[in-house]
Protein backbone atom coordinates (compact mmCIF):
# COMPACT_ATOMS: atom_id res chain seq x y z
CA MET A 1 7.01 -11.60 -37.71
CA VAL A 2 3.43 -11.06 -38.69
CA ILE A 3 0.77 -10.35 -36.06
CA LEU A 4 -2.84 -9.12 -36.95
CA GLY A 5 -1.85 -9.39 -40.58
CA LYS A 6 1.03 -6.90 -40.17
CA GLU A 7 4.84 -7.43 -40.68
CA TYR A 8 6.88 -6.29 -37.65
CA GLU A 9 10.69 -6.31 -37.07
CA LEU A 10 11.86 -8.44 -34.40
CA LYS A 11 15.58 -7.62 -33.07
CA TRP A 12 17.34 -8.42 -29.75
CA THR A 13 17.97 -4.88 -28.44
CA ILE A 14 19.08 -3.29 -25.33
CA ARG A 15 15.93 -0.80 -25.73
CA GLY A 16 13.74 -3.88 -25.70
CA ARG A 17 15.21 -5.14 -22.47
CA PHE A 18 14.80 -1.68 -20.99
CA ILE A 19 11.15 -1.44 -21.93
CA PHE A 20 10.62 -4.95 -20.37
CA GLU A 21 12.16 -3.72 -17.01
CA GLN A 22 10.03 -0.51 -17.36
CA ILE A 23 6.67 -2.64 -17.61
CA VAL A 24 7.48 -5.20 -15.02
CA GLY A 25 9.89 -3.27 -12.60
CA ARG A 26 12.69 -6.02 -12.51
CA ALA A 27 15.05 -8.12 -14.61
CA PHE A 28 13.83 -10.78 -17.13
CA ASP A 29 13.27 -14.31 -15.48
CA PRO A 30 13.30 -16.96 -18.13
CA SER A 31 11.46 -19.32 -15.77
CA LYS A 32 8.37 -17.22 -15.94
CA LEU A 33 6.06 -17.56 -18.96
CA MET A 34 4.55 -14.11 -18.40
CA ASP A 35 8.18 -12.60 -18.63
CA GLU A 36 8.59 -14.30 -22.05
CA TYR A 37 5.45 -12.77 -23.46
CA VAL A 38 6.15 -9.28 -22.20
CA LEU A 39 9.71 -9.55 -23.34
CA PHE A 40 8.17 -10.34 -26.87
CA TYR A 41 5.82 -7.58 -26.42
CA SER A 42 8.81 -5.08 -25.38
CA LEU A 43 10.99 -6.13 -28.30
CA LEU A 44 8.13 -5.38 -30.78
CA LEU A 45 7.56 -2.03 -29.09
CA ALA A 46 11.24 -1.23 -29.20
CA ASN A 47 11.71 -2.07 -32.76
CA ASN A 48 8.36 -0.94 -34.35
CA GLY A 49 7.76 2.18 -32.38
CA ASP A 50 5.46 3.94 -34.89
CA THR A 51 3.83 0.87 -36.27
CA PHE A 52 3.30 -1.49 -33.16
CA LEU A 53 0.41 0.12 -31.55
CA THR A 54 -1.36 -2.94 -30.33
CA PRO A 55 -2.35 -2.93 -26.53
CA PHE A 56 -0.92 -5.72 -24.42
CA GLU A 57 -4.30 -7.29 -23.79
CA GLU A 58 -5.03 -7.41 -27.56
CA PHE A 59 -1.53 -8.71 -28.13
CA ILE A 60 -2.08 -11.69 -25.77
CA SER A 61 -5.54 -12.45 -27.32
CA GLU A 62 -4.00 -12.65 -30.64
CA CYS A 63 -1.13 -15.03 -29.35
CA ASP A 64 -4.05 -17.11 -27.74
CA LYS A 65 -6.05 -17.26 -31.16
CA ASP A 66 -2.73 -18.04 -33.17
CA ARG A 67 -0.28 -20.22 -31.29
CA SER A 68 2.23 -19.99 -34.13
CA ILE A 69 2.95 -16.47 -33.37
CA PHE A 70 4.64 -17.38 -30.09
CA ILE A 71 6.12 -20.50 -31.42
CA GLU A 72 7.76 -18.54 -34.25
CA TYR A 73 9.02 -15.99 -31.75
CA ARG A 74 10.25 -18.75 -29.26
CA LYS A 75 12.49 -20.39 -32.16
CA TRP A 76 13.88 -16.85 -32.93
CA PHE A 77 14.56 -16.33 -29.18
CA LEU A 78 16.43 -19.48 -28.69
CA ASP A 79 18.60 -18.72 -31.73
CA VAL A 80 19.53 -15.55 -30.26
CA VAL A 81 20.29 -16.96 -26.99
CA LYS A 82 22.62 -19.41 -28.78
CA GLN A 83 24.23 -16.86 -30.67
CA GLU A 84 25.05 -14.77 -27.51
CA ALA A 85 26.25 -17.72 -25.81
CA LEU A 86 28.67 -18.24 -28.68
CA VAL A 87 29.92 -14.73 -28.38
CA LEU A 88 30.44 -15.02 -24.73
CA GLN A 89 32.57 -18.27 -25.25
CA GLY A 90 34.70 -16.39 -27.65
CA VAL A 91 35.24 -13.43 -25.33
CA GLU A 92 36.14 -15.79 -22.32
CA SER A 93 38.36 -17.74 -24.57
CA ALA A 94 40.19 -14.52 -25.79
CA GLU A 95 40.48 -13.40 -22.12
CA LYS A 96 42.07 -16.76 -21.10
CA LYS A 97 44.50 -16.51 -23.94
CA LYS A 98 45.51 -12.90 -22.80
CA LYS A 99 45.92 -14.34 -19.17
CA ILE A 100 48.13 -17.05 -20.36
CA LYS A 101 50.52 -14.92 -22.52
CA LYS A 102 51.11 -12.42 -19.43
């Protein structure tokens, strides 16, 4: 992910979700646009601690100037959500098989 001419790592991590909750004081709500931007920012902070030093207001200004930043993030995020859903389906399927065998 390139922001302000610098390359940053973007990973779905628990640390990123913790940072989000520390910033907003509650769990993520996907129906709120601000939550999506704060989560994006939180994930950048979590995975680029020493290099991503951009204040939130500057980050939002850059996202306003270059809409492709958020579009790229959103595509990445939707892929992560799909992958997690597939993992959960696999876990649920395995649990059902265990119950049937008992």
